[in-house]
C-alpha atoms as a PDB file:
ATOM      1  CA  UNK A   1      31.285 120.418  90.137  1.00  0.00           C
ATOM      2  CA  UNK A   2      29.974 117.511  88.353  1.00  0.00           C
ATOM      3  CA  UNK A   3      27.175 114.790  89.809  1.00  0.00           C
ATOM      4  CA  UNK A   4      27.492 111.247  89.419  1.00  0.00           C
ATOM      5  CA  UNK A   5      23.517 110.333  88.549  1.00  0.00           C
ATOM      6  CA  UNK A   6      24.235 107.328  90.875  1.00  0.00           C
ATOM      7  CA  UNK A   7      25.287 109.373  93.411  1.00  0.00           C
ATOM      8  CA  UNK A   8      21.736 111.679  93.680  1.00  0.00           C
ATOM      9  CA  UNK A   9      19.449 108.775  92.831  1.00  0.00           C
ATOM     10  CA  UNK A  10      20.771 106.630  95.970  1.00  0.00           C
ATOM     11  CA  UNK A  11      18.723 107.642  98.370  1.00  0.00           C
ATOM     12  CA  UNK A  12      15.611 107.253  95.720  1.00  0.00           C
ATOM     13  CA  UNK A  13      16.980 104.376  95.478  1.00  0.00           C
ATOM     14  CA  UNK A  14      17.043 103.756  99.517  1.00  0.00           C
ATOM     15  CA  UNK A  15      14.014 104.217 100.054  1.00  0.00           C
ATOM     16  CA  UNK A  16      12.343 102.204  98.283  1.00  0.00           C
ATOM     17  CA  UNK A  17      13.575  99.442  98.768  1.00  0.00           C
ATOM     18  CA  UNK A  18      12.739  99.926 101.635  1.00  0.00           C
ATOM     19  CA  UNK A  19       9.378 100.594 100.612  1.00  0.00           C
ATOM     20  CA  UNK A  20       9.115  97.504  99.104  1.00  0.00           C
ATOM     21  CA  UNK A  21      10.119  96.193 102.008  1.00  0.00           C
ATOM     22  CA  UNK A  22       8.257  96.746 104.463  1.00  0.00           C
ATOM     23  CA  UNK A  23       4.859  96.848 102.291  1.00  0.00           C
ATOM     24  CA  UNK A  24       6.246  95.429  99.106  1.00  0.00           C
ATOM     25  CA  UNK A  25       2.774  92.853  99.599  1.00  0.00           C
ATOM     26  CA  UNK A  26       0.549  95.343 100.034  1.00  0.00           C
ATOM     27  CA  UNK A  27       1.654  96.774  96.935  1.00  0.00           C
ATOM     28  CA  UNK A  28       1.835  93.947  95.759  1.00  0.00           C
ATOM     29  CA  UNK A  29      -2.590  93.833  96.151  1.00  0.00           C
ATOM     30  CA  UNK A  30      -2.786  97.439  95.894  1.00  0.00           C
ATOM     31  CA  UNK A  31      -1.381  97.361  92.136  1.00  0.00           C
ATOM     32  CA  UNK A  32      -3.398  93.740  90.865  1.00  0.00           C
ATOM     33  CA  UNK A  33      -6.440  94.774  92.450  1.00  0.00           C
ATOM     34  CA  UNK A  34      -6.028  98.645  90.300  1.00  0.00           C
ATOM     35  CA  UNK A  35      -4.484  95.872  87.686  1.00  0.00           C
ATOM     36  CA  UNK A  36      -8.513  94.560  87.420  1.00  0.00           C
ATOM     37  CA  UNK A  37      -9.861  97.227  87.514  1.00  0.00           C
ATOM     38  CA  UNK A  38      -8.044  98.468  84.134  1.00  0.00           C
ATOM     39  CA  UNK A  39      -9.359  95.504  82.856  1.00  0.00           C
ATOM     40  CA  UNK A  40     -12.539  95.335  83.985  1.00  0.00           C
ATOM     41  CA  UNK A  41     -12.991  98.888  82.548  1.00  0.00           C
ATOM     42  CA  UNK A  42     -11.335  98.580  78.692  1.00  0.00           C
ATOM     43  CA  UNK A  43     -13.649  95.165  78.318  1.00  0.00           C
ATOM     44  CA  UNK A  44     -16.718  96.985  79.418  1.00  0.00           C
ATOM     45  CA  UNK A  45     -16.072  99.503  76.643  1.00  0.00           C
ATOM     46  CA  UNK A  46     -13.795 102.056  78.487  1.00  0.00           C
ATOM     47  CA  UNK A  47     -11.848 102.550  75.786  1.00  0.00           C
ATOM     48  CA  UNK A  48     -14.545 103.897  72.815  1.00  0.00           C
ATOM     49  CA  UNK A  49     -14.376 107.300  71.769  1.00  0.00           C
ATOM     50  CA  UNK A  50     -17.101 109.439  73.331  1.00  0.00           C
ATOM     51  CA  UNK A  51     -19.849 110.172  71.138  1.00  0.00           C
ATOM     52  CA  UNK A  52     -21.850 114.320  71.143  1.00  0.00           C
ATOM     53  CA  UNK A  53     -25.103 113.457  72.581  1.00  0.00           C
ATOM     54  CA  UNK A  54     -27.582 114.704  69.940  1.00  0.00           C
ATOM     55  CA  UNK A  55     -26.589 114.650  65.358  1.00  0.00           C
ATOM     56  CA  UNK A  56     -26.886 110.565  65.849  1.00  0.00           C
ATOM     57  CA  UNK A  57     -26.683 108.141  62.856  1.00  0.00           C
ATOM     58  CA  UNK A  58     -26.794 104.767  62.878  1.00  0.00           C
ATOM     59  CA  UNK A  59     -24.610 103.123  59.700  1.00  0.00           C
ATOM     60  CA  UNK A  60     -25.419  99.141  58.747  1.00  0.00           C
ATOM     61  CA  UNK A  61     -22.726  98.191  56.661  1.00  0.00           C
ATOM     62  CA  UNK A  62     -23.537  95.373  54.313  1.00  0.00           C
ATOM     63  CA  UNK A  63     -22.437  93.465  51.375  1.00  0.00           C
ATOM     64  CA  UNK A  64     -23.981  93.445  47.751  1.00  0.00           C
ATOM     65  CA  UNK A  65     -22.903  90.568  45.868  1.00  0.00           C
ATOM     66  CA  UNK A  66     -23.844  91.555  41.460  1.00  0.00           C
ATOM     67  CA  UNK A  67     -24.285  87.902  39.314  1.00  0.00           C
ATOM     68  CA  UNK A  68     -22.247  88.919  35.979  1.00  0.00           C
ATOM     69  CA  UNK A  69     -21.739  86.237  32.881  1.00  0.00           C
ATOM     70  CA  UNK A  70     -18.040  84.641  33.207  1.00  0.00           C
ATOM     71  CA  UNK A  71     -15.477  85.504  31.761  1.00  0.00           C
ATOM     72  CA  UNK A  72     -15.140  82.924  28.999  1.00  0.00           C
ATOM     73  CA  UNK A  73     -10.907  82.619  29.371  1.00  0.00           C
ATOM     74  CA  UNK A  74      -8.924  82.794  26.546  1.00  0.00           C
ATOM     75  CA  UNK A  75      -7.595  80.138  24.842  1.00  0.00           C
ATOM     76  CA  UNK A  76      -3.688  79.921  25.328  1.00  0.00           C
ATOM     77  CA  UNK A  77      -1.179  80.290  23.121  1.00  0.00           C
ATOM     78  CA  UNK A  78       1.655  78.978  22.696  1.00  0.00           C
ATOM     79  CA  UNK A  79       5.431  80.422  21.291  1.00  0.00           C
ATOM     80  CA  UNK A  80       8.510  78.270  21.320  1.00  0.00           C
ATOM     81  CA  UNK A  81      11.158  77.571  18.348  1.00  0.00           C
ATOM     82  CA  UNK A  82      12.741  74.454  18.174  1.00  0.00           C
ATOM     83  CA  UNK A  83      15.588  73.588  17.241  1.00  0.00           C
ATOM     84  CA  UNK A  84      15.529  70.105  14.257  1.00  0.00           C
ATOM     85  CA  UNK A  85      19.610  69.243  15.254  1.00  0.00           C
ATOM     86  CA  UNK A  86      19.082  69.322  18.946  1.00  0.00           C
ATOM     87  CA  UNK A  87      15.863  67.598  19.464  1.00  0.00           C
ATOM     88  CA  UNK A  88      18.011  64.807  17.501  1.00  0.00           C
ATOM     89  CA  UNK A  89      15.779  64.078  14.265  1.00  0.00           C
ATOM     90  CA  UNK A  90      17.997  63.770  11.133  1.00  0.00           C
ATOM     91  CA  UNK A  91      16.320  65.037   8.016  1.00  0.00           C
ATOM     92  CA  UNK A  92      14.536  68.764   8.481  1.00  0.00           C
ATOM     93  CA  UNK A  93      11.136  69.217   6.685  1.00  0.00           C
ATOM     94  CA  UNK A  94      11.435  72.028   4.327  1.00  0.00           C
END
């Protein structure tokens, strides 16, 4: 016997439709208030990891800036071979 999922779940969907039709406004209000409470809990630090009591240490992070002498840039080296025939010069100097 093969069961079709649409036929098996039809009573569940019908009961949910009836529930929403009868109490939809109240369900909406409950979900709105629950979501506001969840948002307030998250913004209040509800998702932070709880620390075990004792052995607490305060860690202060900072940035340390040290001064170094400026690095001297090296002079650029350009190596290029010029073909005199394409350069437009007729005479070649040896």
